[in-house]
Amino acid sequence: MTDDLHERLDRLERHELARSMAAAYAVTVDAGDADRIAALFAPDGTLTIPSGTLRGRTEIAAFYASRVADADRRHFVTNVATHATEVASAVGLSAYFLYTSREPGRSALGWGRYDDLVDTSGDTPLLLAKTITPAVFTDLDEGWAS
């Protein structure tokens, strides 16, 4: 194989590793273990949500611990796209999400967008940065029409 073909194959493999992160994140959040969710992030990774940015696994785990307890969630990720970045081992990922949640006393649903930066340099991909941009979050009593 030529060097060009090796480079192309390496790039494709890195993009597939990053793409696999979208599914791994959804499955791990649905399992409800905050420490396992935080382990998907690099030790100094960030999670940006509308209320601010959390830094490092400890802050990220604390955030998820307050969100995933006592909930039966299902995340569906679609329109997953990857893109190159200035650093070959970091791959950008964007996707839309939809989720349903059954919690004590309410059922909820929501959707929005994920924008991630994934480190593909190690044996397993890690999130360097994840931005969650919700478009809708509501419960079934209120609905989303208003």
Protein backbone atom coordinates (compact mmCIF):
# COMPACT_ATOMS: atom_id res chain seq x y z
CA MET A 1 0.00 0.00 0.00
CA THR A 2 1.10 3.50 -0.61
CA ASP A 3 1.63 6.00 2.18
CA ASP A 4 -1.44 7.88 0.95
CA LEU A 5 -3.59 4.76 1.29
CA HIS A 6 -2.23 4.14 4.82
CA GLU A 7 -3.10 7.72 5.77
CA ARG A 8 -6.59 7.39 4.34
CA LEU A 9 -7.18 4.10 6.15
CA ASP A 10 -5.91 5.58 9.42
CA ARG A 11 -8.24 8.56 9.00
CA LEU A 12 -11.24 6.31 8.29
CA GLU A 13 -10.49 4.16 11.34
CA ARG A 14 -10.26 7.24 13.56
CA HIS A 15 -13.57 8.56 12.24
CA GLU A 16 -15.23 5.20 12.91
CA LEU A 17 -13.83 5.21 16.46
CA ALA A 18 -15.32 8.66 16.96
CA ARG A 19 -18.65 7.57 15.46
CA SER A 20 -18.77 4.64 17.88
CA MET A 21 -18.63 7.17 20.73
CA ALA A 22 -22.14 8.40 19.85
CA ALA A 23 -23.59 4.95 20.51
CA ALA A 24 -21.39 4.29 23.54
CA TYR A 25 -22.51 7.55 25.14
CA ALA A 26 -26.22 6.81 24.58
CA VAL A 27 -25.98 3.26 25.93
CA THR A 28 -23.93 4.34 28.96
CA VAL A 29 -26.26 7.20 29.89
CA ASP A 30 -29.23 4.85 29.57
CA ALA A 31 -27.51 2.39 31.94
CA GLY A 32 -27.52 5.14 34.57
CA ASP A 33 -24.04 4.82 36.10
CA ALA A 34 -22.58 8.32 36.53
CA ASP A 35 -19.01 7.09 37.00
CA ARG A 36 -19.16 5.02 33.79
CA ILE A 37 -20.51 8.05 31.93
CA ALA A 38 -17.67 10.22 33.25
CA ALA A 39 -15.15 7.52 32.22
CA LEU A 40 -16.13 8.17 28.58
CA PHE A 41 -14.47 11.58 28.97
CA ALA A 42 -10.76 12.34 29.00
CA PRO A 43 -9.57 13.13 32.54
CA ASP A 44 -9.66 16.85 31.72
CA GLY A 45 -12.64 16.60 29.34
CA THR A 46 -15.46 19.12 29.34
CA LEU A 47 -19.23 18.89 29.17
CA THR A 48 -21.02 22.03 28.06
CA ILE A 49 -24.74 22.32 28.76
CA PRO A 50 -27.01 25.39 28.69
CA SER A 51 -26.25 26.20 32.33
CA GLY A 52 -22.44 26.14 31.90
CA THR A 53 -19.35 24.02 31.38
CA LEU A 54 -18.28 21.18 33.65
CA ARG A 55 -14.58 20.29 33.71
CA GLY A 56 -13.04 16.95 34.53
CA ARG A 57 -14.50 13.58 35.38
CA THR A 58 -15.40 14.48 38.97
CA GLU A 59 -17.65 17.40 37.99
CA ILE A 60 -19.11 15.45 35.09
CA ALA A 61 -19.89 12.42 37.29
CA ALA A 62 -21.56 14.67 39.88
CA PHE A 63 -23.74 16.23 37.18
CA TYR A 64 -24.88 12.87 35.85
CA ALA A 65 -25.40 11.43 39.33
CA SER A 66 -28.07 14.06 39.85
CA ARG A 67 -29.69 13.31 36.47
CA VAL A 68 -29.68 9.56 35.89
CA ALA A 69 -30.87 8.23 39.25
CA ASP A 70 -34.38 6.74 39.30
CA ALA A 71 -34.95 7.22 35.58
CA ASP A 72 -35.53 4.76 32.79
CA ARG A 73 -34.09 6.60 29.79
CA ARG A 74 -33.62 5.70 26.16
CA HIS A 75 -31.45 7.81 23.88
CA PHE A 76 -31.66 7.63 20.11
CA VAL A 77 -28.84 9.20 18.13
CA THR A 78 -29.16 10.01 14.45
CA ASN A 79 -27.55 11.95 11.60
CA VAL A 80 -24.11 11.24 13.02
CA ALA A 81 -21.40 13.03 11.08
CA THR A 82 -17.67 13.24 11.67
CA HIS A 83 -15.24 15.89 10.53
CA ALA A 84 -11.50 16.38 10.58
CA THR A 85 -9.87 18.78 12.99
CA GLU A 86 -6.47 20.45 13.06
CA VAL A 87 -5.16 17.57 15.19
CA ALA A 88 -5.26 14.25 13.32
CA SER A 89 -6.07 12.20 16.45
CA ALA A 90 -9.02 14.44 17.41
CA VAL A 91 -12.19 13.94 15.40
CA GLY A 92 -15.22 16.20 15.50
CA LEU A 93 -18.63 14.56 15.78
CA SER A 94 -22.09 16.03 15.46
CA ALA A 95 -25.45 14.31 15.82
CA TYR A 96 -29.07 14.82 16.69
CA PHE A 97 -30.57 13.08 19.69
CA LEU A 98 -34.01 12.15 20.90
CA TYR A 99 -34.65 10.69 24.31
CA THR A 100 -37.53 9.41 26.36
CA SER A 101 -37.50 9.19 30.12
CA ARG A 102 -39.78 7.44 32.60
CA GLU A 103 -39.23 8.89 36.05
CA PRO A 104 -41.22 8.59 39.27
CA GLY A 105 -44.39 10.59 38.67
CA ARG A 106 -43.66 11.74 35.11
CA SER A 107 -42.72 10.79 31.61
CA ALA A 108 -40.52 13.14 29.62
CA LEU A 109 -39.05 13.51 26.18
CA GLY A 110 -36.64 15.81 24.47
CA TRP A 111 -34.39 16.32 21.52
CA GLY A 112 -31.49 18.42 20.40
CA ARG A 113 -27.92 18.26 19.17
CA TYR A 114 -24.61 16.84 20.32
CA ASP A 115 -21.31 18.39 19.21
CA ASP A 116 -18.28 16.42 20.37
CA LEU A 117 -14.53 16.39 20.07
CA VAL A 118 -13.23 12.82 20.37
CA ASP A 119 -9.65 11.77 21.10
CA THR A 120 -8.92 8.69 19.00
CA SER A 121 -5.22 8.36 19.87
CA GLY A 122 -5.61 5.60 22.48
CA ASP A 123 -7.05 2.11 22.56
CA THR A 124 -10.53 3.48 23.23
CA PRO A 125 -11.94 6.82 22.15
CA LEU A 126 -12.44 9.50 24.83
CA LEU A 127 -14.53 12.64 24.80
CA LEU A 128 -12.33 15.73 24.97
CA ALA A 129 -15.41 17.95 24.83
CA LYS A 130 -19.14 17.37 24.56
CA THR A 131 -21.71 20.10 23.99
CA ILE A 132 -25.37 19.27 24.49
CA THR A 133 -27.77 21.75 22.91
CA PRO A 134 -31.36 20.83 23.74
CA ALA A 135 -34.10 22.06 21.41
CA VAL A 136 -37.03 20.69 23.41
CA PHE A 137 -37.38 19.21 26.88
CA THR A 138 -40.86 18.58 28.17
CA ASP A 139 -43.02 16.11 30.00
CA LEU A 140 -45.98 14.39 28.40
CA ASP A 141 -48.51 16.42 30.39
CA GLU A 142 -47.19 19.75 29.11
CA GLY A 143 -46.30 18.64 25.58
CA TRP A 144 -44.17 20.56 23.10
CA ALA A 145 -46.77 22.37 21.00
CA SER A 146 -46.81 25.60 23.04
